[in-house]
Structures are given as structure tokens and as C-alpha cells.
């Protein structure tokens, strides 16, 4: 992987993380559940998993549903 590709992936990962955290906060508020999932989200380094999680936020009814999605 070239340096340019590495930097691009790091930027994409960071952007996805920020967008996901923002979306979770908007959808579910600032509850303790949201704080616990934020810590779990920050540990995800796989771009495919982050993209899947981003899509799951739309259909999720609860934060525990998202946590279950992350843990599977």
C-alpha cells in the first residue's frame, strides 16, 4: 500500500467514525447507551464494517440493537 493510499484510508476511516458518532447522537440522544456505543465504535478500524454500521443506523430502533450489530 502506498503512502497516499494509507493516508486516504485513514481519512476515510476518520470521516466515517465522526459521521457515525454524529448520527448516533442525533438519532438516540446523549444517553448512557450512546456513550457506551461511542467507545465501541472508536475501536472499529475496518472500513467495510464502518460502512455497514453507517447503513444500520437508519434501520436500528435502539442503541442495544446497534451494539449487537457491532459485536457480531
PDB file of N, CA and C in Angstrom:
ATOM      1  N   UNK A   1       0.858  -1.176   0.000  1.00  0.00           N
ATOM      2  CA  UNK A   1       0.000   0.000   0.000  1.00  0.00           C
ATOM      3  C   UNK A   1       0.901   1.235   0.000  1.00  0.00           C
ATOM      4  N   UNK A   2       0.608   2.143  -0.893  1.00  0.00           N
ATOM      5  CA  UNK A   2       1.406   3.363  -0.971  1.00  0.00           C
ATOM      6  C   UNK A   2       1.043   4.301   0.183  1.00  0.00           C
ATOM      7  N   UNK A   3       1.892   5.257   0.397  1.00  0.00           N
ATOM      8  CA  UNK A   3       1.633   6.250   1.441  1.00  0.00           C
ATOM      9  C   UNK A   3       0.344   7.009   1.151  1.00  0.00           C
ATOM     10  N   UNK A   4       0.119   7.338  -0.110  1.00  0.00           N
ATOM     11  CA  UNK A   4      -1.105   8.061  -0.483  1.00  0.00           C
ATOM     12  C   UNK A   4      -2.345   7.231  -0.162  1.00  0.00           C
ATOM     13  N   UNK A   5      -2.299   5.933  -0.454  1.00  0.00           N
ATOM     14  CA  UNK A   5      -3.436   5.055  -0.156  1.00  0.00           C
ATOM     15  C   UNK A   5      -3.661   4.937   1.349  1.00  0.00           C
ATOM     16  N   UNK A   6      -2.571   4.841   2.081  1.00  0.00           N
ATOM     17  CA  UNK A   6      -2.678   4.749   3.539  1.00  0.00           C
ATOM     18  C   UNK A   6      -3.320   6.012   4.115  1.00  0.00           C
ATOM     19  N   UNK A   7      -2.871   7.161   3.668  1.00  0.00           N
ATOM     20  CA  UNK A   7      -3.428   8.426   4.156  1.00  0.00           C
ATOM     21  C   UNK A   7      -4.892   8.581   3.754  1.00  0.00           C
ATOM     22  N   UNK A   8      -5.227   8.143   2.556  1.00  0.00           N
ATOM     23  CA  UNK A   8      -6.615   8.205   2.098  1.00  0.00           C
ATOM     24  C   UNK A   8      -7.498   7.327   2.980  1.00  0.00           C
ATOM     25  N   UNK A   9      -7.042   6.122   3.263  1.00  0.00           N
ATOM     26  CA  UNK A   9      -7.816   5.208   4.112  1.00  0.00           C
ATOM     27  C   UNK A   9      -7.979   5.752   5.526  1.00  0.00           C
ATOM     28  N   UNK A  10      -6.926   6.357   6.059  1.00  0.00           N
ATOM     29  CA  UNK A  10      -7.018   6.943   7.397  1.00  0.00           C
ATOM     30  C   UNK A  10      -8.038   8.082   7.414  1.00  0.00           C
ATOM     31  N   UNK A  11      -8.040   8.897   6.374  1.00  0.00           N
ATOM     32  CA  UNK A  11      -9.006   9.991   6.286  1.00  0.00           C
ATOM     33  C   UNK A  11     -10.428   9.478   6.143  1.00  0.00           C
ATOM     34  N   UNK A  12     -10.606   8.443   5.338  1.00  0.00           N
ATOM     35  CA  UNK A  12     -11.923   7.839   5.161  1.00  0.00           C
ATOM     36  C   UNK A  12     -12.417   7.245   6.474  1.00  0.00           C
ATOM     37  N   UNK A  13     -11.538   6.537   7.164  1.00  0.00           N
ATOM     38  CA  UNK A  13     -11.890   5.944   8.462  1.00  0.00           C
ATOM     39  C   UNK A  13     -12.301   7.024   9.455  1.00  0.00           C
ATOM     40  N   UNK A  14     -11.529   8.084   9.537  1.00  0.00           N
ATOM     41  CA  UNK A  14     -11.828   9.168  10.473  1.00  0.00           C
ATOM     42  C   UNK A  14     -13.157   9.832  10.141  1.00  0.00           C
ATOM     43  N   UNK A  15     -13.397  10.069   8.860  1.00  0.00           N
ATOM     44  CA  UNK A  15     -14.656  10.680   8.443  1.00  0.00           C
ATOM     45  C   UNK A  15     -15.855   9.798   8.758  1.00  0.00           C
ATOM     46  N   UNK A  16     -15.721   8.502   8.515  1.00  0.00           N
ATOM     47  CA  UNK A  16     -16.803   7.572   8.840  1.00  0.00           C
ATOM     48  C   UNK A  16     -17.069   7.546  10.343  1.00  0.00           C
ATOM     49  N   UNK A  17     -16.003   7.487  11.131  1.00  0.00           N
ATOM     50  CA  UNK A  17     -16.165   7.472  12.589  1.00  0.00           C
ATOM     51  C   UNK A  17     -16.909   8.712  13.071  1.00  0.00           C
ATOM     52  N   UNK A  18     -16.500   9.874  12.592  1.00  0.00           N
ATOM     53  CA  UNK A  18     -17.154  11.117  13.010  1.00  0.00           C
ATOM     54  C   UNK A  18     -18.615  11.150  12.569  1.00  0.00           C
ATOM     55  N   UNK A  19     -18.877  10.727  11.350  1.00  0.00           N
ATOM     56  CA  UNK A  19     -20.243  10.714  10.847  1.00  0.00           C
ATOM     57  C   UNK A  19     -21.140   9.751  11.610  1.00  0.00           C
ATOM     58  N   UNK A  20     -20.609   8.585  11.934  1.00  0.00           N
ATOM     59  CA  UNK A  20     -21.376   7.588  12.684  1.00  0.00           C
ATOM     60  C   UNK A  20     -21.673   8.093  14.088  1.00  0.00           C
ATOM     61  N   UNK A  21     -20.671   8.628  14.757  1.00  0.00           N
ATOM     62  CA  UNK A  21     -20.886   9.154  16.108  1.00  0.00           C
ATOM     63  C   UNK A  21     -21.932  10.269  16.093  1.00  0.00           C
ATOM     64  N   UNK A  22     -21.858  11.146  15.124  1.00  0.00           N
ATOM     65  CA  UNK A  22     -22.826  12.234  14.999  1.00  0.00           C
ATOM     66  C   UNK A  22     -24.229  11.677  14.767  1.00  0.00           C
ATOM     67  N   UNK A  23     -24.343  10.722  13.858  1.00  0.00           N
ATOM     68  CA  UNK A  23     -25.648  10.131  13.535  1.00  0.00           C
ATOM     69  C   UNK A  23     -26.274   9.431  14.730  1.00  0.00           C
ATOM     70  N   UNK A  24     -25.463   8.697  15.473  1.00  0.00           N
ATOM     71  CA  UNK A  24     -25.973   8.011  16.668  1.00  0.00           C
ATOM     72  C   UNK A  24     -26.463   9.043  17.679  1.00  0.00           C
ATOM     73  N   UNK A  25     -25.701  10.109  17.862  1.00  0.00           N
ATOM     74  CA  UNK A  25     -26.107  11.160  18.791  1.00  0.00           C
ATOM     75  C   UNK A  25     -27.404  11.839  18.382  1.00  0.00           C
ATOM     76  N   UNK A  26     -27.557  12.109  17.101  1.00  0.00           N
ATOM     77  CA  UNK A  26     -28.781  12.745  16.601  1.00  0.00           C
ATOM     78  C   UNK A  26     -29.977  11.813  16.765  1.00  0.00           C
ATOM     79  N   UNK A  27     -29.801  10.548  16.417  1.00  0.00           N
ATOM     80  CA  UNK A  27     -30.928   9.612  16.436  1.00  0.00           C
ATOM     81  C   UNK A  27     -31.335   9.208  17.848  1.00  0.00           C
ATOM     82  N   UNK A  28     -30.342   8.987  18.725  1.00  0.00           N
ATOM     83  CA  UNK A  28     -30.646   8.419  20.035  1.00  0.00           C
ATOM     84  C   UNK A  28     -30.378   9.359  21.208  1.00  0.00           C
ATOM     85  N   UNK A  29     -29.863  10.546  20.943  1.00  0.00           N
ATOM     86  CA  UNK A  29     -29.622  11.497  22.021  1.00  0.00           C
ATOM     87  C   UNK A  29     -28.317  11.241  22.748  1.00  0.00           C
ATOM     88  N   UNK A  30     -28.193  11.833  23.921  1.00  0.00           N
ATOM     89  CA  UNK A  30     -26.949  11.771  24.697  1.00  0.00           C
ATOM     90  C   UNK A  30     -27.118  10.869  25.914  1.00  0.00           C
ATOM     91  N   UNK A  31     -27.646   9.684  25.703  1.00  0.00           N
ATOM     92  CA  UNK A  31     -27.890   8.754  26.805  1.00  0.00           C
ATOM     93  C   UNK A  31     -26.614   7.998  27.167  1.00  0.00           C
ATOM     94  N   UNK A  32     -26.674   7.267  28.271  1.00  0.00           N
ATOM     95  CA  UNK A  32     -25.539   6.429  28.664  1.00  0.00           C
ATOM     96  C   UNK A  32     -25.275   5.349  27.620  1.00  0.00           C
ATOM     97  N   UNK A  33     -26.352   4.834  27.000  1.00  0.00           N
ATOM     98  CA  UNK A  33     -26.188   3.846  25.930  1.00  0.00           C
ATOM     99  C   UNK A  33     -25.359   4.419  24.786  1.00  0.00           C
ATOM    100  N   UNK A  34     -25.619   5.673  24.440  1.00  0.00           N
ATOM    101  CA  UNK A  34     -24.873   6.312  23.351  1.00  0.00           C
ATOM    102  C   UNK A  34     -23.400   6.461  23.706  1.00  0.00           C
ATOM    103  N   UNK A  35     -23.135   6.775  24.954  1.00  0.00           N
ATOM    104  CA  UNK A  35     -21.747   6.908  25.385  1.00  0.00           C
ATOM    105  C   UNK A  35     -21.028   5.568  25.318  1.00  0.00           C
ATOM    106  N   UNK A  36     -21.724   4.490  25.670  1.00  0.00           N
ATOM    107  CA  UNK A  36     -21.084   3.174  25.637  1.00  0.00           C
ATOM    108  C   UNK A  36     -20.838   2.710  24.204  1.00  0.00           C
ATOM    109  N   UNK A  37     -21.762   3.018  23.303  1.00  0.00           N
ATOM    110  CA  UNK A  37     -21.551   2.591  21.913  1.00  0.00           C
ATOM    111  C   UNK A  37     -20.469   3.423  21.242  1.00  0.00           C
ATOM    112  N   UNK A  38     -20.323   4.672  21.639  1.00  0.00           N
ATOM    113  CA  UNK A  38     -19.285   5.522  21.058  1.00  0.00           C
ATOM    114  C   UNK A  38     -17.907   4.920  21.302  1.00  0.00           C
ATOM    115  N   UNK A  39     -17.681   4.393  22.496  1.00  0.00           N
ATOM    116  CA  UNK A  39     -16.399   3.753  22.805  1.00  0.00           C
ATOM    117  C   UNK A  39     -16.185   2.529  21.919  1.00  0.00           C
ATOM    118  N   UNK A  40     -17.234   1.759  21.693  1.00  0.00           N
ATOM    119  CA  UNK A  40     -17.128   0.575  20.834  1.00  0.00           C
ATOM    120  C   UNK A  40     -16.862   0.973  19.383  1.00  0.00           C
ATOM    121  N   UNK A  41     -17.525   2.018  18.925  1.00  0.00           N
ATOM    122  CA  UNK A  41     -17.356   2.476  17.546  1.00  0.00           C
ATOM    123  C   UNK A  41     -15.917   2.921  17.305  1.00  0.00           C
ATOM    124  N   UNK A  42     -15.327   3.615  18.261  1.00  0.00           N
ATOM    125  CA  UNK A  42     -13.960   4.125  18.101  1.00  0.00           C
ATOM    126  C   UNK A  42     -12.934   3.010  17.960  1.00  0.00           C
ATOM    127  N   UNK A  43     -13.277   1.798  18.386  1.00  0.00           N
ATOM    128  CA  UNK A  43     -12.358   0.664  18.276  1.00  0.00           C
ATOM    129  C   UNK A  43     -12.432  -0.037  16.923  1.00  0.00           C
ATOM    130  N   UNK A  44     -13.395   0.317  16.092  1.00  0.00           N
ATOM    131  CA  UNK A  44     -13.543  -0.321  14.784  1.00  0.00           C
ATOM    132  C   UNK A  44     -12.558   0.321  13.809  1.00  0.00           C
ATOM    133  N   UNK A  45     -11.760  -0.496  13.162  1.00  0.00           N
ATOM    134  CA  UNK A  45     -10.771   0.004  12.204  1.00  0.00           C
ATOM    135  C   UNK A  45     -11.026  -0.512  10.788  1.00  0.00           C
ATOM    136  N   UNK A  46     -12.041  -1.323  10.617  1.00  0.00           N
ATOM    137  CA  UNK A  46     -12.364  -1.903   9.318  1.00  0.00           C
ATOM    138  C   UNK A  46     -13.359  -1.001   8.584  1.00  0.00           C
ATOM    139  N   UNK A  47     -12.960  -0.480   7.443  1.00  0.00           N
ATOM    140  CA  UNK A  47     -13.801   0.459   6.701  1.00  0.00           C
ATOM    141  C   UNK A  47     -15.100  -0.199   6.255  1.00  0.00           C
ATOM    142  N   UNK A  48     -15.041  -1.462   5.841  1.00  0.00           N
ATOM    143  CA  UNK A  48     -16.268  -2.159   5.426  1.00  0.00           C
ATOM    144  C   UNK A  48     -17.252  -2.262   6.589  1.00  0.00           C
ATOM    145  N   UNK A  49     -16.742  -2.555   7.776  1.00  0.00           N
ATOM    146  CA  UNK A  49     -17.614  -2.650   8.953  1.00  0.00           C
ATOM    147  C   UNK A  49     -18.193  -1.280   9.309  1.00  0.00           C
ATOM    148  N   UNK A  50     -17.395  -0.240   9.189  1.00  0.00           N
ATOM    149  CA  UNK A  50     -17.889   1.113   9.463  1.00  0.00           C
ATOM    150  C   UNK A  50     -18.986   1.508   8.478  1.00  0.00           C
ATOM    151  N   UNK A  51     -18.800   1.171   7.209  1.00  0.00           N
ATOM    152  CA  UNK A  51     -19.824   1.484   6.206  1.00  0.00           C
ATOM    153  C   UNK A  51     -21.110   0.717   6.490  1.00  0.00           C
ATOM    154  N   UNK A  52     -20.980  -0.551   6.890  1.00  0.00           N
ATOM    155  CA  UNK A  52     -22.162  -1.354   7.220  1.00  0.00           C
ATOM    156  C   UNK A  52     -22.883  -0.768   8.432  1.00  0.00           C
ATOM    157  N   UNK A  53     -22.124  -0.340   9.429  1.00  0.00           N
ATOM    158  CA  UNK A  53     -22.709   0.265  10.621  1.00  0.00           C
ATOM    159  C   UNK A  53     -23.422   1.564  10.269  1.00  0.00           C
ATOM    160  N   UNK A  54     -22.828   2.342   9.400  1.00  0.00           N
ATOM    161  CA  UNK A  54     -23.457   3.596   8.960  1.00  0.00           C
ATOM    162  C   UNK A  54     -24.830   3.318   8.352  1.00  0.00           C
ATOM    163  N   UNK A  55     -24.924   2.282   7.558  1.00  0.00           N
ATOM    164  CA  UNK A  55     -26.201   1.910   6.968  1.00  0.00           C
ATOM    165  C   UNK A  55     -27.189   1.368   7.981  1.00  0.00           C
ATOM    166  N   UNK A  56     -26.695   0.676   8.990  1.00  0.00           N
ATOM    167  CA  UNK A  56     -27.552   0.069  10.011  1.00  0.00           C
ATOM    168  C   UNK A  56     -28.204   1.119  10.902  1.00  0.00           C
ATOM    169  N   UNK A  57     -27.586   2.252  11.076  1.00  0.00           N
ATOM    170  CA  UNK A  57     -28.130   3.300  11.947  1.00  0.00           C
ATOM    171  C   UNK A  57     -29.530   3.700  11.497  1.00  0.00           C
ATOM    172  N   UNK A  58     -29.766   3.756  10.194  1.00  0.00           N
ATOM    173  CA  UNK A  58     -31.085   4.144   9.674  1.00  0.00           C
ATOM    174  C   UNK A  58     -32.190   3.223  10.178  1.00  0.00           C
ATOM    175  N   UNK A  59     -31.935   1.919  10.168  1.00  0.00           N
ATOM    176  CA  UNK A  59     -32.992   0.960  10.497  1.00  0.00           C
ATOM    177  C   UNK A  59     -33.033   0.573  11.972  1.00  0.00           C
ATOM    178  N   UNK A  60     -31.991   0.886  12.715  1.00  0.00           N
ATOM    179  CA  UNK A  60     -31.941   0.489  14.126  1.00  0.00           C
ATOM    180  C   UNK A  60     -32.986   1.240  14.940  1.00  0.00           C
ATOM    181  N   UNK A  61     -33.634   0.514  15.819  1.00  0.00           N
ATOM    182  CA  UNK A  61     -34.647   1.116  16.692  1.00  0.00           C
ATOM    183  C   UNK A  61     -34.065   1.519  18.048  1.00  0.00           C
ATOM    184  N   UNK A  62     -32.980   0.833  18.457  1.00  0.00           N
ATOM    185  CA  UNK A  62     -32.390   1.086  19.770  1.00  0.00           C
ATOM    186  C   UNK A  62     -30.867   1.033  19.685  1.00  0.00           C
ATOM    187  N   UNK A  63     -30.210   1.610  20.678  1.00  0.00           N
ATOM    188  CA  UNK A  63     -28.753   1.527  20.767  1.00  0.00           C
ATOM    189  C   UNK A  63     -28.313   0.085  21.007  1.00  0.00           C
ATOM    190  N   UNK A  64     -28.982  -0.678  21.897  1.00  0.00           N
ATOM    191  CA  UNK A  64     -28.578  -2.080  22.061  1.00  0.00           C
ATOM    192  C   UNK A  64     -28.614  -2.877  20.747  1.00  0.00           C
ATOM    193  N   UNK A  65     -29.527  -2.523  19.854  1.00  0.00           N
ATOM    194  CA  UNK A  65     -29.565  -3.179  18.540  1.00  0.00           C
ATOM    195  C   UNK A  65     -28.277  -2.887  17.764  1.00  0.00           C
ATOM    196  N   UNK A  66     -27.790  -1.661  17.850  1.00  0.00           N
ATOM    197  CA  UNK A  66     -26.531  -1.310  17.186  1.00  0.00           C
ATOM    198  C   UNK A  66     -25.349  -2.011  17.846  1.00  0.00           C
ATOM    199  N   UNK A  67     -25.373  -2.084  19.165  1.00  0.00           N
ATOM    200  CA  UNK A  67     -24.293  -2.770  19.878  1.00  0.00           C
ATOM    201  C   UNK A  67     -24.236  -4.231  19.448  1.00  0.00           C
ATOM    202  N   UNK A  68     -25.380  -4.867  19.356  1.00  0.00           N
ATOM    203  CA  UNK A  68     -25.440  -6.265  18.913  1.00  0.00           C
ATOM    204  C   UNK A  68     -24.869  -6.396  17.499  1.00  0.00           C
ATOM    205  N   UNK A  69     -25.196  -5.450  16.622  1.00  0.00           N
ATOM    206  CA  UNK A  69     -24.681  -5.455  15.257  1.00  0.00           C
ATOM    207  C   UNK A  69     -23.150  -5.354  15.262  1.00  0.00           C
ATOM    208  N   UNK A  70     -22.609  -4.491  16.097  1.00  0.00           N
ATOM    209  CA  UNK A  70     -21.157  -4.311  16.176  1.00  0.00           C
ATOM    210  C   UNK A  70     -20.475  -5.579  16.678  1.00  0.00           C
ATOM    211  N   UNK A  71     -21.082  -6.220  17.654  1.00  0.00           N
ATOM    212  CA  UNK A  71     -20.452  -7.379  18.287  1.00  0.00           C
ATOM    213  C   UNK A  71     -20.531  -8.645  17.442  1.00  0.00           C
ATOM    214  N   UNK A  72     -21.361  -8.638  16.411  1.00  0.00           N
ATOM    215  CA  UNK A  72     -21.464  -9.834  15.544  1.00  0.00           C
ATOM    216  C   UNK A  72     -20.511  -9.781  14.398  1.00  0.00           C
TER     217      UNK A  72
END
